[in-house]
Amino acid sequence: MSYKGIYKPSHPQKYIGDPNNIIYRSLWERKFMYWCDVNENIIKWASEEIWIPYLSPLDKRVHKYFPDFYIKYKDNSGNIKESLIEVKPKKQVEGPKPQKRMTQKQMYELKEYAKNQAKWKAAKEFCADRRWEFQILTEDNLGV
């Protein structure tokens, strides 16, 4: 089952973009949005407001990647930091398990994994240029 909806922030002044049009595509994304909204150490946050060009290994063309979140926050030492965050199921981060017989489902999963790897490589380079962090959060990080 897919969970989608519009998140209504309690602190819209912290959101970069239109606070009336914050769309989540999973319950994990909604949980992260809530955390950003109510966490006093989060100074600003955004959902899919930044795009990064990446070269797709599937069609060898440049596409746009919209990371799930941008956050500007105060760390435990009081330093201001910035990060891009991607929220994904752990099985998509680890990649598909080899099968004896290639099915259409596994072919789709392999293609998505290759595309995600290209996106994440571009995001790491984008963040390194800005002295930001790039993080991929899974259900393990989100406490679900």
N, C-alpha and C. Protein backbone atom coordinates (compact mmCIF):
# COMPACT_ATOMS: atom_id res chain seq x y z
N MET A 1 0.84 -1.17 0.00
CA MET A 1 0.00 0.00 0.00
C MET A 1 0.88 1.24 0.00
N SER A 2 0.54 2.21 -0.80
CA SER A 2 1.28 3.45 -0.91
C SER A 2 0.58 4.52 -0.08
N TYR A 3 1.36 5.26 0.69
CA TYR A 3 0.81 6.33 1.51
C TYR A 3 1.29 7.66 0.96
N LYS A 4 0.36 8.48 0.52
CA LYS A 4 0.68 9.79 -0.02
C LYS A 4 -0.25 10.82 0.61
N GLY A 5 0.23 12.04 0.67
CA GLY A 5 -0.62 13.10 1.20
C GLY A 5 0.11 14.42 1.25
N ILE A 6 -0.52 15.39 1.86
CA ILE A 6 0.05 16.72 2.02
C ILE A 6 0.31 16.94 3.51
N TYR A 7 1.53 17.33 3.83
CA TYR A 7 1.92 17.59 5.21
C TYR A 7 1.63 19.05 5.54
N LYS A 8 0.98 19.27 6.65
CA LYS A 8 0.67 20.62 7.14
C LYS A 8 1.61 20.93 8.32
N PRO A 9 2.62 21.79 8.11
CA PRO A 9 3.59 22.04 9.18
C PRO A 9 3.03 22.88 10.32
N SER A 10 3.50 22.59 11.52
CA SER A 10 3.16 23.39 12.70
C SER A 10 3.97 24.69 12.71
N HIS A 11 5.16 24.64 12.06
CA HIS A 11 6.06 25.79 12.03
C HIS A 11 6.39 26.13 10.56
N PRO A 12 5.41 26.68 9.83
CA PRO A 12 5.61 26.92 8.39
C PRO A 12 6.75 27.88 8.08
N GLN A 13 7.15 28.73 9.04
CA GLN A 13 8.24 29.67 8.82
C GLN A 13 9.58 28.95 8.63
N LYS A 14 9.68 27.70 9.10
CA LYS A 14 10.92 26.93 8.94
C LYS A 14 11.03 26.30 7.55
N TYR A 15 9.92 26.23 6.83
CA TYR A 15 9.92 25.53 5.56
C TYR A 15 10.37 26.45 4.43
N ILE A 16 11.25 25.95 3.57
CA ILE A 16 11.69 26.68 2.38
C ILE A 16 10.80 26.22 1.23
N GLY A 17 10.04 27.12 0.67
CA GLY A 17 9.09 26.76 -0.38
C GLY A 17 7.68 27.05 0.09
N ASP A 18 6.72 26.46 -0.59
CA ASP A 18 5.31 26.67 -0.27
C ASP A 18 4.89 25.72 0.85
N PRO A 19 4.65 26.22 2.07
CA PRO A 19 4.28 25.32 3.18
C PRO A 19 2.89 24.72 3.03
N ASN A 20 2.14 25.16 2.03
CA ASN A 20 0.82 24.60 1.78
C ASN A 20 0.85 23.48 0.75
N ASN A 21 2.03 23.16 0.23
CA ASN A 21 2.15 22.13 -0.80
C ASN A 21 3.35 21.22 -0.52
N ILE A 22 3.40 20.66 0.68
CA ILE A 22 4.47 19.74 1.07
C ILE A 22 3.92 18.33 0.91
N ILE A 23 4.39 17.62 -0.10
CA ILE A 23 3.84 16.30 -0.44
C ILE A 23 4.75 15.19 0.07
N TYR A 24 4.16 14.24 0.76
CA TYR A 24 4.91 13.04 1.16
C TYR A 24 4.42 11.86 0.34
N ARG A 25 5.36 10.94 0.06
CA ARG A 25 5.05 9.77 -0.76
C ARG A 25 5.18 8.46 0.02
N SER A 26 5.45 8.59 1.31
CA SER A 26 5.51 7.41 2.18
C SER A 26 5.32 7.86 3.62
N LEU A 27 4.99 6.92 4.46
CA LEU A 27 4.86 7.25 5.88
C LEU A 27 6.21 7.59 6.49
N TRP A 28 7.28 7.03 5.93
CA TRP A 28 8.62 7.35 6.41
C TRP A 28 8.95 8.81 6.11
N GLU A 29 8.59 9.28 4.91
CA GLU A 29 8.80 10.69 4.57
C GLU A 29 7.98 11.59 5.50
N ARG A 30 6.74 11.21 5.74
CA ARG A 30 5.89 12.01 6.63
C ARG A 30 6.50 12.07 8.04
N LYS A 31 7.02 10.96 8.51
CA LYS A 31 7.65 10.92 9.82
C LYS A 31 8.86 11.86 9.87
N PHE A 32 9.66 11.86 8.80
CA PHE A 32 10.83 12.73 8.75
C PHE A 32 10.40 14.20 8.69
N MET A 33 9.34 14.50 7.94
CA MET A 33 8.81 15.86 7.87
C MET A 33 8.40 16.36 9.25
N TYR A 34 7.70 15.51 9.99
CA TYR A 34 7.26 15.88 11.34
C TYR A 34 8.48 16.17 12.21
N TRP A 35 9.50 15.31 12.11
CA TRP A 35 10.73 15.49 12.89
C TRP A 35 11.37 16.84 12.56
N CYS A 36 11.47 17.16 11.27
CA CYS A 36 12.05 18.46 10.87
C CYS A 36 11.22 19.62 11.40
N ASP A 37 9.92 19.48 11.32
CA ASP A 37 9.00 20.53 11.72
C ASP A 37 9.10 20.86 13.21
N VAL A 38 9.18 19.85 14.05
CA VAL A 38 9.12 20.09 15.51
C VAL A 38 10.49 20.12 16.19
N ASN A 39 11.54 19.69 15.51
CA ASN A 39 12.87 19.65 16.13
C ASN A 39 13.43 21.07 16.21
N GLU A 40 13.75 21.52 17.41
CA GLU A 40 14.23 22.89 17.59
C GLU A 40 15.62 23.12 16.98
N ASN A 41 16.37 22.05 16.72
CA ASN A 41 17.69 22.20 16.10
C ASN A 41 17.63 22.32 14.58
N ILE A 42 16.47 22.06 14.00
CA ILE A 42 16.30 22.25 12.56
C ILE A 42 15.94 23.72 12.33
N ILE A 43 16.80 24.42 11.63
CA ILE A 43 16.60 25.85 11.38
C ILE A 43 15.69 26.05 10.17
N LYS A 44 15.99 25.33 9.09
CA LYS A 44 15.22 25.38 7.85
C LYS A 44 15.17 23.98 7.26
N TRP A 45 14.11 23.72 6.51
CA TRP A 45 14.03 22.44 5.82
C TRP A 45 13.18 22.59 4.57
N ALA A 46 13.35 21.64 3.66
CA ALA A 46 12.61 21.65 2.40
C ALA A 46 12.43 20.21 1.94
N SER A 47 11.41 19.99 1.14
CA SER A 47 11.14 18.67 0.57
C SER A 47 11.09 18.79 -0.95
N GLU A 48 12.03 18.14 -1.61
CA GLU A 48 12.13 18.11 -3.07
C GLU A 48 12.16 19.51 -3.68
N GLU A 49 12.87 20.43 -3.05
CA GLU A 49 12.99 21.80 -3.55
C GLU A 49 14.31 22.02 -4.29
N ILE A 50 15.25 21.08 -4.19
CA ILE A 50 16.56 21.19 -4.84
C ILE A 50 16.65 20.09 -5.90
N TRP A 51 17.22 20.43 -7.06
CA TRP A 51 17.43 19.39 -8.06
C TRP A 51 18.91 19.33 -8.44
N ILE A 52 19.33 18.12 -8.79
CA ILE A 52 20.72 17.85 -9.15
C ILE A 52 20.73 17.10 -10.48
N PRO A 53 21.52 17.57 -11.45
CA PRO A 53 21.61 16.81 -12.71
C PRO A 53 22.44 15.53 -12.49
N TYR A 54 22.02 14.46 -13.15
CA TYR A 54 22.79 13.21 -13.09
C TYR A 54 22.69 12.51 -14.44
N LEU A 55 23.71 11.72 -14.73
CA LEU A 55 23.74 10.95 -15.97
C LEU A 55 23.17 9.57 -15.70
N SER A 56 22.07 9.25 -16.36
CA SER A 56 21.44 7.94 -16.17
C SER A 56 22.25 6.87 -16.89
N PRO A 57 22.55 5.77 -16.20
CA PRO A 57 23.26 4.67 -16.87
C PRO A 57 22.35 3.90 -17.83
N LEU A 58 21.05 4.15 -17.76
CA LEU A 58 20.10 3.41 -18.59
C LEU A 58 20.00 3.98 -20.00
N ASP A 59 19.89 5.31 -20.09
CA ASP A 59 19.73 5.91 -21.43
C ASP A 59 20.86 6.87 -21.79
N LYS A 60 21.86 6.99 -20.89
CA LYS A 60 23.04 7.86 -21.11
C LYS A 60 22.65 9.32 -21.32
N ARG A 61 21.53 9.72 -20.73
CA ARG A 61 21.08 11.11 -20.83
C ARG A 61 21.09 11.75 -19.45
N VAL A 62 21.15 13.07 -19.43
CA VAL A 62 21.13 13.82 -18.17
C VAL A 62 19.68 14.01 -17.74
N HIS A 63 19.41 13.70 -16.48
CA HIS A 63 18.08 13.84 -15.89
C HIS A 63 18.21 14.68 -14.62
N LYS A 64 17.09 15.06 -14.03
CA LYS A 64 17.07 15.81 -12.77
C LYS A 64 16.72 14.88 -11.62
N TYR A 65 17.50 14.97 -10.58
CA TYR A 65 17.25 14.22 -9.34
C TYR A 65 16.83 15.23 -8.27
N PHE A 66 15.69 14.96 -7.64
CA PHE A 66 15.18 15.79 -6.55
C PHE A 66 15.32 15.01 -5.25
N PRO A 67 16.40 15.25 -4.47
CA PRO A 67 16.52 14.56 -3.18
C PRO A 67 15.30 14.86 -2.30
N ASP A 68 14.97 13.91 -1.46
CA ASP A 68 13.76 14.05 -0.65
C ASP A 68 13.77 15.29 0.24
N PHE A 69 14.91 15.56 0.89
CA PHE A 69 14.94 16.66 1.86
C PHE A 69 16.26 17.42 1.85
N TYR A 70 16.13 18.69 2.18
CA TYR A 70 17.26 19.55 2.52
C TYR A 70 17.01 19.99 3.96
N ILE A 71 18.05 19.95 4.79
CA ILE A 71 17.92 20.48 6.14
C ILE A 71 19.13 21.36 6.48
N LYS A 72 18.84 22.43 7.18
CA LYS A 72 19.87 23.28 7.77
C LYS A 72 19.63 23.18 9.27
N TYR A 73 20.67 22.77 10.00
CA TYR A 73 20.46 22.45 11.41
C TYR A 73 21.66 22.82 12.27
N LYS A 74 21.41 22.84 13.57
CA LYS A 74 22.45 23.05 14.55
C LYS A 74 22.83 21.69 15.13
N ASP A 75 24.12 21.32 15.02
CA ASP A 75 24.53 20.01 15.55
C ASP A 75 24.75 20.09 17.06
N ASN A 76 25.17 18.98 17.66
CA ASN A 76 25.33 18.91 19.12
C ASN A 76 26.38 19.88 19.65
N SER A 77 27.31 20.31 18.78
CA SER A 77 28.34 21.26 19.20
C SER A 77 27.92 22.70 18.96
N GLY A 78 26.73 22.90 18.39
CA GLY A 78 26.25 24.25 18.11
C GLY A 78 26.63 24.76 16.73
N ASN A 79 27.32 23.92 15.94
CA ASN A 79 27.71 24.30 14.58
C ASN A 79 26.51 24.20 13.65
N ILE A 80 26.44 25.12 12.68
CA ILE A 80 25.38 25.09 11.68
C ILE A 80 25.85 24.23 10.52
N LYS A 81 25.02 23.26 10.15
CA LYS A 81 25.36 22.34 9.06
C LYS A 81 24.18 22.23 8.10
N GLU A 82 24.48 21.70 6.91
CA GLU A 82 23.45 21.50 5.90
C GLU A 82 23.59 20.10 5.31
N SER A 83 22.46 19.49 5.03
CA SER A 83 22.46 18.13 4.49
C SER A 83 21.34 17.94 3.48
N LEU A 84 21.58 17.04 2.54
CA LEU A 84 20.53 16.50 1.70
C LEU A 84 20.25 15.10 2.20
N ILE A 85 18.98 14.76 2.27
CA ILE A 85 18.54 13.48 2.83
C ILE A 85 17.68 12.75 1.81
N GLU A 86 17.96 11.47 1.62
CA GLU A 86 17.11 10.60 0.80
C GLU A 86 16.53 9.55 1.73
N VAL A 87 15.23 9.32 1.65
CA VAL A 87 14.55 8.31 2.47
C VAL A 87 14.17 7.16 1.54
N LYS A 88 14.72 5.98 1.85
CA LYS A 88 14.48 4.80 1.00
C LYS A 88 14.36 3.55 1.85
N PRO A 89 13.61 2.57 1.39
CA PRO A 89 13.61 1.27 2.07
C PRO A 89 15.01 0.64 1.98
N LYS A 90 15.41 -0.03 3.03
CA LYS A 90 16.74 -0.63 3.09
C LYS A 90 16.99 -1.57 1.92
N LYS A 91 15.98 -2.31 1.48
CA LYS A 91 16.17 -3.25 0.38
C LYS A 91 16.53 -2.54 -0.92
N GLN A 92 16.09 -1.28 -1.09
CA GLN A 92 16.46 -0.54 -2.29
C GLN A 92 17.88 0.02 -2.19
N VAL A 93 18.34 0.27 -1.00
CA VAL A 93 19.69 0.78 -0.79
C VAL A 93 20.71 -0.35 -0.96
N GLU A 94 20.37 -1.53 -0.48
CA GLU A 94 21.27 -2.67 -0.57
C GLU A 94 21.30 -3.28 -1.96
N GLY A 95 20.26 -3.07 -2.72
CA GLY A 95 20.20 -3.63 -4.07
C GLY A 95 19.49 -4.97 -4.08
N PRO A 96 19.04 -5.38 -5.28
CA PRO A 96 18.30 -6.64 -5.38
C PRO A 96 19.21 -7.85 -5.14
N LYS A 97 18.62 -8.87 -4.57
CA LYS A 97 19.35 -10.12 -4.33
C LYS A 97 19.40 -10.93 -5.63
N PRO A 98 20.53 -11.56 -5.91
CA PRO A 98 20.63 -12.38 -7.14
C PRO A 98 19.62 -13.52 -7.12
N GLN A 99 19.04 -13.77 -8.27
CA GLN A 99 18.07 -14.86 -8.43
C GLN A 99 18.62 -15.85 -9.46
N LYS A 100 18.14 -17.07 -9.39
CA LYS A 100 18.55 -18.08 -10.38
C LYS A 100 18.02 -17.73 -11.77
N ARG A 101 16.82 -17.17 -11.79
CA ARG A 101 16.18 -16.84 -13.06
C ARG A 101 15.80 -15.36 -13.04
N MET A 102 16.16 -14.64 -14.10
CA MET A 102 15.86 -13.21 -14.18
C MET A 102 14.38 -13.01 -14.49
N THR A 103 13.68 -12.35 -13.57
CA THR A 103 12.26 -12.05 -13.78
C THR A 103 12.13 -10.59 -14.18
N GLN A 104 10.95 -10.20 -14.65
CA GLN A 104 10.73 -8.79 -14.98
C GLN A 104 10.85 -7.92 -13.74
N LYS A 105 10.38 -8.45 -12.61
CA LYS A 105 10.48 -7.69 -11.36
C LYS A 105 11.94 -7.45 -10.99
N GLN A 106 12.77 -8.49 -11.12
CA GLN A 106 14.17 -8.30 -10.79
C GLN A 106 14.86 -7.36 -11.79
N MET A 107 14.50 -7.44 -13.05
CA MET A 107 15.07 -6.54 -14.05
C MET A 107 14.73 -5.09 -13.70
N TYR A 108 13.48 -4.84 -13.30
CA TYR A 108 13.05 -3.50 -12.89
C TYR A 108 13.87 -3.05 -11.67
N GLU A 109 14.02 -3.92 -10.67
CA GLU A 109 14.76 -3.58 -9.46
C GLU A 109 16.23 -3.27 -9.78
N LEU A 110 16.83 -4.03 -10.69
CA LEU A 110 18.21 -3.77 -11.09
C LEU A 110 18.36 -2.41 -11.76
N LYS A 111 17.42 -2.09 -12.63
CA LYS A 111 17.45 -0.79 -13.31
C LYS A 111 17.28 0.35 -12.31
N GLU A 112 16.33 0.21 -11.39
CA GLU A 112 16.11 1.25 -10.38
C GLU A 112 17.34 1.41 -9.49
N TYR A 113 17.97 0.29 -9.14
CA TYR A 113 19.17 0.34 -8.30
C TYR A 113 20.30 1.08 -9.04
N ALA A 114 20.50 0.78 -10.31
CA ALA A 114 21.54 1.45 -11.10
C ALA A 114 21.25 2.95 -11.21
N LYS A 115 20.00 3.29 -11.44
CA LYS A 115 19.61 4.70 -11.54
C LYS A 115 19.83 5.41 -10.20
N ASN A 116 19.44 4.77 -9.11
CA ASN A 116 19.64 5.38 -7.79
C ASN A 116 21.12 5.57 -7.48
N GLN A 117 21.95 4.61 -7.85
CA GLN A 117 23.38 4.74 -7.61
C GLN A 117 23.94 5.97 -8.34
N ALA A 118 23.48 6.21 -9.57
CA ALA A 118 23.92 7.38 -10.34
C ALA A 118 23.43 8.67 -9.67
N LYS A 119 22.19 8.67 -9.19
CA LYS A 119 21.64 9.84 -8.50
C LYS A 119 22.45 10.15 -7.24
N TRP A 120 22.74 9.11 -6.47
CA TRP A 120 23.42 9.31 -5.20
C TRP A 120 24.87 9.73 -5.39
N LYS A 121 25.50 9.25 -6.44
CA LYS A 121 26.86 9.69 -6.76
C LYS A 121 26.86 11.18 -7.08
N ALA A 122 25.90 11.62 -7.90
CA ALA A 122 25.78 13.04 -8.23
C ALA A 122 25.48 13.87 -6.99
N ALA A 123 24.63 13.35 -6.11
CA ALA A 123 24.29 14.08 -4.88
C ALA A 123 25.51 14.22 -3.96
N LYS A 124 26.31 13.17 -3.86
CA LYS A 124 27.52 13.24 -3.02
C LYS A 124 28.48 14.30 -3.55
N GLU A 125 28.64 14.37 -4.87
CA GLU A 125 29.52 15.37 -5.47
C GLU A 125 28.95 16.78 -5.28
N PHE A 126 27.64 16.93 -5.47
CA PHE A 126 26.95 18.20 -5.27
C PHE A 126 27.17 18.69 -3.84
N CYS A 127 26.99 17.80 -2.88
CA CYS A 127 27.14 18.16 -1.46
C CYS A 127 28.60 18.46 -1.12
N ALA A 128 29.52 17.68 -1.64
CA ALA A 128 30.94 17.91 -1.36
C ALA A 128 31.36 19.30 -1.82
N ASP A 129 30.85 19.74 -2.97
CA ASP A 129 31.17 21.08 -3.48
C ASP A 129 30.68 22.18 -2.55
N ARG A 130 29.66 21.92 -1.76
CA ARG A 130 29.05 22.92 -0.88
C ARG A 130 29.39 22.70 0.60
N ARG A 131 30.16 21.67 0.86
CA ARG A 131 30.51 21.27 2.24
C ARG A 131 29.26 20.89 3.02
N TRP A 132 28.35 20.23 2.32
CA TRP A 132 27.15 19.66 2.93
C TRP A 132 27.38 18.17 3.10
N GLU A 133 26.43 17.52 3.74
CA GLU A 133 26.43 16.05 3.86
C GLU A 133 25.31 15.49 2.99
N PHE A 134 25.50 14.28 2.51
CA PHE A 134 24.43 13.55 1.85
C PHE A 134 24.20 12.27 2.65
N GLN A 135 22.95 12.04 3.03
CA GLN A 135 22.63 10.88 3.84
C GLN A 135 21.44 10.14 3.24
N ILE A 136 21.51 8.82 3.31
CA ILE A 136 20.38 7.99 2.91
C ILE A 136 19.84 7.37 4.20
N LEU A 137 18.58 7.64 4.50
CA LEU A 137 17.95 7.10 5.70
C LEU A 137 17.01 5.97 5.30
N THR A 138 17.05 4.90 6.07
CA THR A 138 16.17 3.76 5.87
C THR A 138 15.29 3.58 7.11
N GLU A 139 14.48 2.55 7.08
CA GLU A 139 13.63 2.26 8.24
C GLU A 139 14.46 2.06 9.51
N ASP A 140 15.71 1.62 9.35
CA ASP A 140 16.59 1.46 10.53
C ASP A 140 16.86 2.80 11.20
N ASN A 141 17.04 3.86 10.40
CA ASN A 141 17.35 5.19 10.95
C ASN A 141 16.09 5.89 11.47
N LEU A 142 14.95 5.54 10.90
CA LEU A 142 13.72 6.26 11.22
C LEU A 142 12.95 5.60 12.36
N GLY A 143 13.48 4.52 12.90
CA GLY A 143 12.86 3.88 14.05
C GLY A 143 11.53 3.22 13.76
N VAL A 144 11.42 2.63 12.57
CA VAL A 144 10.17 1.93 12.23
C VAL A 144 10.43 0.47 11.97
